[in-house]
Every structure is written in structure tokens, then in C-alpha cells.
């Protein structure tokens, strides 16, 4: 019985992503929540990349890249609207 190390790595990254998502809910400030969202997105993309190596499908990389771009654009937009409202 052999264990696919890339599949194991992807599972570990996805478990860490769930932990980061759980950190979003009790975040005391908006900044803590935004950082947790970025960490969760980064871990999810890392898990998707490991899953790509395990599965051999390049479509997963495309979806993970688009997801990361959308999350980071959302974060930048959130910081911009927060700065405008406090000024």
C-alpha cells in the first residue's frame, strides 16, 4: 500500500484552510478577518496546486488562480472602502 504524498499534502492544506476559515468568524476586527481570508485563500490555492500534481489536471490550477485573484481583489477593495469611510 503506497500513499500518494501529493494527495496527502493537498488534504493537509485543505484541513489548514478549514482552520483559517474558522478564524474568520470570531475575528475581533475587520483587519483580522481580512488577513484570515487571505490566509485561507492562499492555503486553498496551495492545496489545489498539490491536488493538481496528484490528479494531473491543469484545470484545477486555472480555477485556483482565478479564485486567488478574486479574493485578493476583494481584500484590496475592502481596504480601500474602509479607508474612505474613516477619512
PDB file of N, CA and C in Angstrom:
ATOM      1  N   UNK A   1       0.848  -1.186   0.000  1.00  0.00           N
ATOM      2  CA  UNK A   1       0.000   0.000   0.000  1.00  0.00           C
ATOM      3  C   UNK A   1       0.888   1.242   0.000  1.00  0.00           C
ATOM      4  N   UNK A   2       0.710   2.054  -1.006  1.00  0.00           N
ATOM      5  CA  UNK A   2       1.503   3.271  -1.071  1.00  0.00           C
ATOM      6  C   UNK A   2       0.592   4.485  -0.893  1.00  0.00           C
ATOM      7  N   UNK A   3       1.147   5.488  -0.281  1.00  0.00           N
ATOM      8  CA  UNK A   3       0.401   6.721  -0.036  1.00  0.00           C
ATOM      9  C   UNK A   3       0.903   7.771  -1.009  1.00  0.00           C
ATOM     10  N   UNK A   4      -0.018   8.388  -1.728  1.00  0.00           N
ATOM     11  CA  UNK A   4       0.360   9.454  -2.646  1.00  0.00           C
ATOM     12  C   UNK A   4       0.670  10.709  -1.824  1.00  0.00           C
ATOM     13  N   UNK A   5       1.915  11.097  -1.815  1.00  0.00           N
ATOM     14  CA  UNK A   5       2.349  12.207  -0.964  1.00  0.00           C
ATOM     15  C   UNK A   5       1.694  13.523  -1.382  1.00  0.00           C
ATOM     16  N   UNK A   6       1.421  13.695  -2.666  1.00  0.00           N
ATOM     17  CA  UNK A   6       0.795  14.935  -3.119  1.00  0.00           C
ATOM     18  C   UNK A   6      -0.665  15.011  -2.691  1.00  0.00           C
ATOM     19  N   UNK A   7      -1.339  13.879  -2.714  1.00  0.00           N
ATOM     20  CA  UNK A   7      -2.726  13.851  -2.246  1.00  0.00           C
ATOM     21  C   UNK A   7      -2.779  14.096  -0.745  1.00  0.00           C
ATOM     22  N   UNK A   8      -1.849  13.512  -0.005  1.00  0.00           N
ATOM     23  CA  UNK A   8      -1.773  13.749   1.436  1.00  0.00           C
ATOM     24  C   UNK A   8      -1.498  15.228   1.722  1.00  0.00           C
ATOM     25  N   UNK A   9      -0.599  15.828   0.960  1.00  0.00           N
ATOM     26  CA  UNK A   9      -0.284  17.245   1.126  1.00  0.00           C
ATOM     27  C   UNK A   9      -1.500  18.111   0.837  1.00  0.00           C
ATOM     28  N   UNK A  10      -2.252  17.778  -0.198  1.00  0.00           N
ATOM     29  CA  UNK A  10      -3.462  18.533  -0.521  1.00  0.00           C
ATOM     30  C   UNK A  10      -4.479  18.442   0.606  1.00  0.00           C
ATOM     31  N   UNK A  11      -4.650  17.263   1.176  1.00  0.00           N
ATOM     32  CA  UNK A  11      -5.589  17.097   2.294  1.00  0.00           C
ATOM     33  C   UNK A  11      -5.152  17.931   3.494  1.00  0.00           C
ATOM     34  N   UNK A  12      -3.867  17.936   3.786  1.00  0.00           N
ATOM     35  CA  UNK A  12      -3.358  18.740   4.906  1.00  0.00           C
ATOM     36  C   UNK A  12      -3.595  20.232   4.657  1.00  0.00           C
ATOM     37  N   UNK A  13      -3.349  20.692   3.442  1.00  0.00           N
ATOM     38  CA  UNK A  13      -3.604  22.096   3.124  1.00  0.00           C
ATOM     39  C   UNK A  13      -5.089  22.441   3.258  1.00  0.00           C
ATOM     40  N   UNK A  14      -5.958  21.532   2.842  1.00  0.00           N
ATOM     41  CA  UNK A  14      -7.388  21.806   2.953  1.00  0.00           C
ATOM     42  C   UNK A  14      -7.848  21.796   4.408  1.00  0.00           C
ATOM     43  N   UNK A  15      -7.247  20.965   5.244  1.00  0.00           N
ATOM     44  CA  UNK A  15      -7.560  20.996   6.684  1.00  0.00           C
ATOM     45  C   UNK A  15      -7.109  22.322   7.285  1.00  0.00           C
ATOM     46  N   UNK A  16      -5.928  22.781   6.899  1.00  0.00           N
ATOM     47  CA  UNK A  16      -5.452  24.085   7.378  1.00  0.00           C
ATOM     48  C   UNK A  16      -6.337  25.220   6.872  1.00  0.00           C
ATOM     49  N   UNK A  17      -6.876  25.072   5.664  1.00  0.00           N
ATOM     50  CA  UNK A  17      -7.807  26.068   5.137  1.00  0.00           C
ATOM     51  C   UNK A  17      -9.063  26.146   5.992  1.00  0.00           C
ATOM     52  N   UNK A  18      -9.568  24.996   6.402  1.00  0.00           N
ATOM     53  CA  UNK A  18     -10.748  24.981   7.271  1.00  0.00           C
ATOM     54  C   UNK A  18     -10.446  25.669   8.596  1.00  0.00           C
ATOM     55  N   UNK A  19      -9.259  25.451   9.135  1.00  0.00           N
ATOM     56  CA  UNK A  19      -8.868  26.136  10.373  1.00  0.00           C
ATOM     57  C   UNK A  19      -8.814  27.646  10.176  1.00  0.00           C
ATOM     58  N   UNK A  20      -8.305  28.092   9.037  1.00  0.00           N
ATOM     59  CA  UNK A  20      -8.247  29.535   8.764  1.00  0.00           C
ATOM     60  C   UNK A  20      -9.643  30.109   8.574  1.00  0.00           C
ATOM     61  N   UNK A  21     -10.542  29.357   7.953  1.00  0.00           N
ATOM     62  CA  UNK A  21     -11.921  29.822   7.785  1.00  0.00           C
ATOM     63  C   UNK A  21     -12.601  29.939   9.139  1.00  0.00           C
ATOM     64  N   UNK A  22     -12.313  29.014  10.029  1.00  0.00           N
ATOM     65  CA  UNK A  22     -12.884  29.095  11.377  1.00  0.00           C
ATOM     66  C   UNK A  22     -12.357  30.308  12.133  1.00  0.00           C
ATOM     67  N   UNK A  23     -11.204  30.796  11.756  1.00  0.00           N
ATOM     68  CA  UNK A  23     -10.647  32.003  12.379  1.00  0.00           C
ATOM     69  C   UNK A  23     -11.352  33.259  11.879  1.00  0.00           C
ATOM     70  N   UNK A  24     -11.975  33.211  10.721  1.00  0.00           N
ATOM     71  CA  UNK A  24     -12.653  34.380  10.164  1.00  0.00           C
ATOM     72  C   UNK A  24     -13.842  34.765  11.034  1.00  0.00           C
ATOM     73  N   UNK A  25     -14.575  33.793  11.514  1.00  0.00           N
ATOM     74  CA  UNK A  25     -15.816  34.053  12.240  1.00  0.00           C
ATOM     75  C   UNK A  25     -15.588  34.841  13.533  1.00  0.00           C
ATOM     76  N   UNK A  26     -14.676  34.414  14.442  1.00  0.00           N
ATOM     77  CA  UNK A  26     -14.539  35.160  15.700  1.00  0.00           C
ATOM     78  C   UNK A  26     -13.530  36.304  15.641  1.00  0.00           C
ATOM     79  N   UNK A  27     -13.070  36.661  14.455  1.00  0.00           N
ATOM     80  CA  UNK A  27     -12.068  37.729  14.347  1.00  0.00           C
ATOM     81  C   UNK A  27     -12.547  39.007  15.012  1.00  0.00           C
ATOM     82  N   UNK A  28     -11.740  39.574  15.907  1.00  0.00           N
ATOM     83  CA  UNK A  28     -12.207  40.745  16.651  1.00  0.00           C
ATOM     84  C   UNK A  28     -12.348  42.014  15.804  1.00  0.00           C
ATOM     85  N   UNK A  29     -11.523  42.141  14.788  1.00  0.00           N
ATOM     86  CA  UNK A  29     -11.605  43.343  13.951  1.00  0.00           C
ATOM     87  C   UNK A  29     -11.706  42.941  12.483  1.00  0.00           C
ATOM     88  N   UNK A  30     -12.042  43.913  11.654  1.00  0.00           N
ATOM     89  CA  UNK A  30     -12.132  43.664  10.218  1.00  0.00           C
ATOM     90  C   UNK A  30     -10.769  43.286   9.641  1.00  0.00           C
ATOM     91  N   UNK A  31      -9.715  43.909  10.143  1.00  0.00           N
ATOM     92  CA  UNK A  31      -8.371  43.581   9.647  1.00  0.00           C
ATOM     93  C   UNK A  31      -8.019  42.127   9.919  1.00  0.00           C
ATOM     94  N   UNK A  32      -8.369  41.619  11.104  1.00  0.00           N
ATOM     95  CA  UNK A  32      -8.110  40.214  11.411  1.00  0.00           C
ATOM     96  C   UNK A  32      -8.879  39.298  10.475  1.00  0.00           C
ATOM     97  N   UNK A  33     -10.102  39.659  10.169  1.00  0.00           N
ATOM     98  CA  UNK A  33     -10.916  38.835   9.274  1.00  0.00           C
ATOM     99  C   UNK A  33     -10.355  38.849   7.848  1.00  0.00           C
ATOM    100  N   UNK A  34      -9.905  40.009   7.384  1.00  0.00           N
ATOM    101  CA  UNK A  34      -9.351  40.095   6.033  1.00  0.00           C
ATOM    102  C   UNK A  34      -8.056  39.306   5.910  1.00  0.00           C
ATOM    103  N   UNK A  35      -7.224  39.338   6.934  1.00  0.00           N
ATOM    104  CA  UNK A  35      -5.986  38.561   6.909  1.00  0.00           C
ATOM    105  C   UNK A  35      -6.311  37.069   6.929  1.00  0.00           C
ATOM    106  N   UNK A  36      -7.304  36.678   7.729  1.00  0.00           N
ATOM    107  CA  UNK A  36      -7.700  35.264   7.765  1.00  0.00           C
ATOM    108  C   UNK A  36      -8.261  34.815   6.417  1.00  0.00           C
ATOM    109  N   UNK A  37      -8.989  35.692   5.734  1.00  0.00           N
ATOM    110  CA  UNK A  37      -9.498  35.357   4.402  1.00  0.00           C
ATOM    111  C   UNK A  37      -8.335  35.149   3.433  1.00  0.00           C
ATOM    112  N   UNK A  38      -7.342  36.016   3.497  1.00  0.00           N
ATOM    113  CA  UNK A  38      -6.174  35.865   2.612  1.00  0.00           C
ATOM    114  C   UNK A  38      -5.396  34.591   2.915  1.00  0.00           C
ATOM    115  N   UNK A  39      -5.237  34.279   4.191  1.00  0.00           N
ATOM    116  CA  UNK A  39      -4.530  33.047   4.566  1.00  0.00           C
ATOM    117  C   UNK A  39      -5.303  31.828   4.077  1.00  0.00           C
ATOM    118  N   UNK A  40      -6.622  31.849   4.267  1.00  0.00           N
ATOM    119  CA  UNK A  40      -7.448  30.724   3.815  1.00  0.00           C
ATOM    120  C   UNK A  40      -7.363  30.562   2.298  1.00  0.00           C
ATOM    121  N   UNK A  41      -7.396  31.661   1.570  1.00  0.00           N
ATOM    122  CA  UNK A  41      -7.306  31.584   0.111  1.00  0.00           C
ATOM    123  C   UNK A  41      -5.940  31.071  -0.330  1.00  0.00           C
ATOM    124  N   UNK A  42      -4.890  31.516   0.329  1.00  0.00           N
ATOM    125  CA  UNK A  42      -3.545  31.063  -0.022  1.00  0.00           C
ATOM    126  C   UNK A  42      -3.383  29.569   0.255  1.00  0.00           C
ATOM    127  N   UNK A  43      -3.885  29.114   1.406  1.00  0.00           N
ATOM    128  CA  UNK A  43      -3.801  27.689   1.722  1.00  0.00           C
ATOM    129  C   UNK A  43      -4.650  26.849   0.769  1.00  0.00           C
ATOM    130  N   UNK A  44      -5.820  27.365   0.394  1.00  0.00           N
ATOM    131  CA  UNK A  44      -6.661  26.638  -0.551  1.00  0.00           C
ATOM    132  C   UNK A  44      -5.984  26.526  -1.913  1.00  0.00           C
ATOM    133  N   UNK A  45      -5.333  27.587  -2.331  1.00  0.00           N
ATOM    134  CA  UNK A  45      -4.609  27.539  -3.617  1.00  0.00           C
ATOM    135  C   UNK A  45      -3.419  26.584  -3.544  1.00  0.00           C
ATOM    136  N   UNK A  46      -2.731  26.564  -2.415  1.00  0.00           N
ATOM    137  CA  UNK A  46      -1.625  25.621  -2.257  1.00  0.00           C
ATOM    138  C   UNK A  46      -2.146  24.186  -2.284  1.00  0.00           C
ATOM    139  N   UNK A  47      -3.283  23.946  -1.638  1.00  0.00           N
ATOM    140  CA  UNK A  47      -3.885  22.621  -1.686  1.00  0.00           C
ATOM    141  C   UNK A  47      -4.321  22.251  -3.090  1.00  0.00           C
ATOM    142  N   UNK A  48      -4.860  23.222  -3.823  1.00  0.00           N
ATOM    143  CA  UNK A  48      -5.270  22.966  -5.204  1.00  0.00           C
ATOM    144  C   UNK A  48      -4.065  22.653  -6.087  1.00  0.00           C
ATOM    145  N   UNK A  49      -2.964  23.326  -5.856  1.00  0.00           N
ATOM    146  CA  UNK A  49      -1.757  23.038  -6.638  1.00  0.00           C
ATOM    147  C   UNK A  49      -1.225  21.643  -6.331  1.00  0.00           C
ATOM    148  N   UNK A  50      -1.250  21.242  -5.057  1.00  0.00           N
ATOM    149  CA  UNK A  50      -0.829  19.884  -4.705  1.00  0.00           C
ATOM    150  C   UNK A  50      -1.792  18.859  -5.305  1.00  0.00           C
ATOM    151  N   UNK A  51      -3.079  19.193  -5.319  1.00  0.00           N
ATOM    152  CA  UNK A  51      -4.071  18.298  -5.926  1.00  0.00           C
ATOM    153  C   UNK A  51      -3.866  18.198  -7.436  1.00  0.00           C
ATOM    154  N   UNK A  52      -3.402  19.277  -8.037  1.00  0.00           N
ATOM    155  CA  UNK A  52      -3.102  19.254  -9.470  1.00  0.00           C
ATOM    156  C   UNK A  52      -1.997  18.254  -9.781  1.00  0.00           C
ATOM    157  N   UNK A  53      -0.968  18.249  -8.958  1.00  0.00           N
ATOM    158  CA  UNK A  53       0.123  17.301  -9.167  1.00  0.00           C
ATOM    159  C   UNK A  53      -0.380  15.877  -8.964  1.00  0.00           C
ATOM    160  N   UNK A  54      -1.232  15.682  -7.943  1.00  0.00           N
ATOM    161  CA  UNK A  54      -1.749  14.338  -7.663  1.00  0.00           C
ATOM    162  C   UNK A  54      -2.693  13.863  -8.760  1.00  0.00           C
ATOM    163  N   UNK A  55      -3.556  14.753  -9.255  1.00  0.00           N
ATOM    164  CA  UNK A  55      -4.564  14.354 -10.236  1.00  0.00           C
ATOM    165  C   UNK A  55      -4.080  14.489 -11.678  1.00  0.00           C
ATOM    166  N   UNK A  56      -3.143  15.387 -11.899  1.00  0.00           N
ATOM    167  CA  UNK A  56      -2.639  15.594 -13.251  1.00  0.00           C
ATOM    168  C   UNK A  56      -3.557  16.433 -14.122  1.00  0.00           C
ATOM    169  N   UNK A  57      -4.417  17.235 -13.514  1.00  0.00           N
ATOM    170  CA  UNK A  57      -5.354  18.064 -14.270  1.00  0.00           C
ATOM    171  C   UNK A  57      -4.966  19.532 -14.144  1.00  0.00           C
ATOM    172  N   UNK A  58      -4.755  20.180 -15.267  1.00  0.00           N
ATOM    173  CA  UNK A  58      -4.370  21.582 -15.245  1.00  0.00           C
ATOM    174  C   UNK A  58      -5.553  22.520 -15.037  1.00  0.00           C
ATOM    175  N   UNK A  59      -6.773  22.008 -15.149  1.00  0.00           N
ATOM    176  CA  UNK A  59      -7.956  22.829 -14.920  1.00  0.00           C
ATOM    177  C   UNK A  59      -8.018  23.312 -13.469  1.00  0.00           C
ATOM    178  N   UNK A  60      -7.534  22.486 -12.550  1.00  0.00           N
ATOM    179  CA  UNK A  60      -7.540  22.865 -11.134  1.00  0.00           C
ATOM    180  C   UNK A  60      -6.664  24.092 -10.910  1.00  0.00           C
ATOM    181  N   UNK A  61      -5.545  24.178 -11.605  1.00  0.00           N
ATOM    182  CA  UNK A  61      -4.653  25.337 -11.476  1.00  0.00           C
ATOM    183  C   UNK A  61      -5.346  26.598 -11.952  1.00  0.00           C
ATOM    184  N   UNK A  62      -6.064  26.506 -13.035  1.00  0.00           N
ATOM    185  CA  UNK A  62      -6.783  27.660 -13.567  1.00  0.00           C
ATOM    186  C   UNK A  62      -7.844  28.145 -12.588  1.00  0.00           C
ATOM    187  N   UNK A  63      -8.613  27.240 -12.051  1.00  0.00           N
ATOM    188  CA  UNK A  63      -9.658  27.608 -11.092  1.00  0.00           C
ATOM    189  C   UNK A  63      -9.038  28.194  -9.825  1.00  0.00           C
ATOM    190  N   UNK A  64      -7.957  27.615  -9.330  1.00  0.00           N
ATOM    191  CA  UNK A  64      -7.296  28.128  -8.129  1.00  0.00           C
ATOM    192  C   UNK A  64      -6.726  29.522  -8.363  1.00  0.00           C
ATOM    193  N   UNK A  65      -6.160  29.760  -9.533  1.00  0.00           N
ATOM    194  CA  UNK A  65      -5.622  31.087  -9.847  1.00  0.00           C
ATOM    195  C   UNK A  65      -6.705  32.142  -9.926  1.00  0.00           C
ATOM    196  N   UNK A  66      -7.823  31.808 -10.564  1.00  0.00           N
ATOM    197  CA  UNK A  66      -8.938  32.757 -10.623  1.00  0.00           C
ATOM    198  C   UNK A  66      -9.509  33.042  -9.238  1.00  0.00           C
ATOM    199  N   UNK A  67      -9.619  31.993  -8.420  1.00  0.00           N
ATOM    200  CA  UNK A  67     -10.110  32.163  -7.052  1.00  0.00           C
ATOM    201  C   UNK A  67      -9.193  33.079  -6.249  1.00  0.00           C
ATOM    202  N   UNK A  68      -7.889  32.870  -6.364  1.00  0.00           N
ATOM    203  CA  UNK A  68      -6.936  33.708  -5.629  1.00  0.00           C
ATOM    204  C   UNK A  68      -7.021  35.164  -6.076  1.00  0.00           C
ATOM    205  N   UNK A  69      -7.129  35.393  -7.372  1.00  0.00           N
ATOM    206  CA  UNK A  69      -7.246  36.767  -7.883  1.00  0.00           C
ATOM    207  C   UNK A  69      -8.507  37.448  -7.371  1.00  0.00           C
ATOM    208  N   UNK A  70      -9.619  36.724  -7.345  1.00  0.00           N
ATOM    209  CA  UNK A  70     -10.867  37.316  -6.858  1.00  0.00           C
ATOM    210  C   UNK A  70     -10.791  37.647  -5.371  1.00  0.00           C
ATOM    211  N   UNK A  71     -10.204  36.760  -4.583  1.00  0.00           N
ATOM    212  CA  UNK A  71     -10.102  37.007  -3.139  1.00  0.00           C
ATOM    213  C   UNK A  71      -9.181  38.193  -2.859  1.00  0.00           C
ATOM    214  N   UNK A  72      -8.059  38.263  -3.529  1.00  0.00           N
ATOM    215  CA  UNK A  72      -7.137  39.362  -3.275  1.00  0.00           C
ATOM    216  C   UNK A  72      -7.699  40.693  -3.777  1.00  0.00           C
ATOM    217  N   UNK A  73      -8.440  40.679  -4.881  1.00  0.00           N
ATOM    218  CA  UNK A  73      -9.100  41.907  -5.341  1.00  0.00           C
ATOM    219  C   UNK A  73     -10.162  42.352  -4.343  1.00  0.00           C
ATOM    220  N   UNK A  74     -10.901  41.398  -3.777  1.00  0.00           N
ATOM    221  CA  UNK A  74     -11.884  41.717  -2.753  1.00  0.00           C
ATOM    222  C   UNK A  74     -11.216  42.337  -1.532  1.00  0.00           C
ATOM    223  N   UNK A  75     -10.070  41.811  -1.143  1.00  0.00           N
ATOM    224  CA  UNK A  75      -9.353  42.337   0.020  1.00  0.00           C
ATOM    225  C   UNK A  75      -8.884  43.765  -0.229  1.00  0.00           C
ATOM    226  N   UNK A  76      -8.327  44.014  -1.384  1.00  0.00           N
ATOM    227  CA  UNK A  76      -7.867  45.364  -1.713  1.00  0.00           C
ATOM    228  C   UNK A  76      -9.046  46.333  -1.728  1.00  0.00           C
ATOM    229  N   UNK A  77     -10.149  45.919  -2.323  1.00  0.00           N
ATOM    230  CA  UNK A  77     -11.341  46.773  -2.377  1.00  0.00           C
ATOM    231  C   UNK A  77     -11.889  47.037  -0.974  1.00  0.00           C
ATOM    232  N   UNK A  78     -11.846  46.041  -0.111  1.00  0.00           N
ATOM    233  CA  UNK A  78     -12.325  46.224   1.262  1.00  0.00           C
ATOM    234  C   UNK A  78     -11.471  47.237   2.013  1.00  0.00           C
ATOM    235  N   UNK A  79     -10.157  47.169   1.838  1.00  0.00           N
ATOM    236  CA  UNK A  79      -9.287  48.138   2.489  1.00  0.00           C
ATOM    237  C   UNK A  79      -9.519  49.548   1.949  1.00  0.00           C
ATOM    238  N   UNK A  80      -9.746  49.657   0.636  1.00  0.00           N
ATOM    239  CA  UNK A  80      -9.987  50.973   0.055  1.00  0.00           C
ATOM    240  C   UNK A  80     -11.284  51.587   0.566  1.00  0.00           C
ATOM    241  N   UNK A  81     -12.337  50.814   0.640  1.00  0.00           N
ATOM    242  CA  UNK A  81     -13.612  51.362   1.136  1.00  0.00           C
ATOM    243  C   UNK A  81     -13.525  51.673   2.614  1.00  0.00           C
ATOM    244  N   UNK A  82     -12.737  50.919   3.347  1.00  0.00           N
ATOM    245  CA  UNK A  82     -12.570  51.218   4.776  1.00  0.00           C
ATOM    246  C   UNK A  82     -11.801  52.528   4.979  1.00  0.00           C
ATOM    247  N   UNK A  83     -10.783  52.758   4.173  1.00  0.00           N
ATOM    248  CA  UNK A  83     -10.008  53.995   4.283  1.00  0.00           C
ATOM    249  C   UNK A  83     -10.866  55.204   3.919  1.00  0.00           C
ATOM    250  N   UNK A  84     -11.727  55.069   2.914  1.00  0.00           N
ATOM    251  CA  UNK A  84     -12.603  56.175   2.521  1.00  0.00           C
ATOM    252  C   UNK A  84     -13.618  56.502   3.600  1.00  0.00           C
ATOM    253  N   UNK A  85     -14.161  55.474   4.242  1.00  0.00           N
ATOM    254  CA  UNK A  85     -15.182  55.711   5.257  1.00  0.00           C
ATOM    255  C   UNK A  85     -14.594  56.289   6.539  1.00  0.00           C
ATOM    256  N   UNK A  86     -13.327  56.004   6.834  1.00  0.00           N
ATOM    257  CA  UNK A  86     -12.711  56.547   8.045  1.00  0.00           C
ATOM    258  C   UNK A  86     -12.133  57.935   7.809  1.00  0.00           C
ATOM    259  N   UNK A  87     -11.945  58.339   6.548  1.00  0.00           N
ATOM    260  CA  UNK A  87     -11.358  59.657   6.264  1.00  0.00           C
ATOM    261  C   UNK A  87     -12.399  60.748   6.258  1.00  0.00           C
TER     262      UNK A  87
END
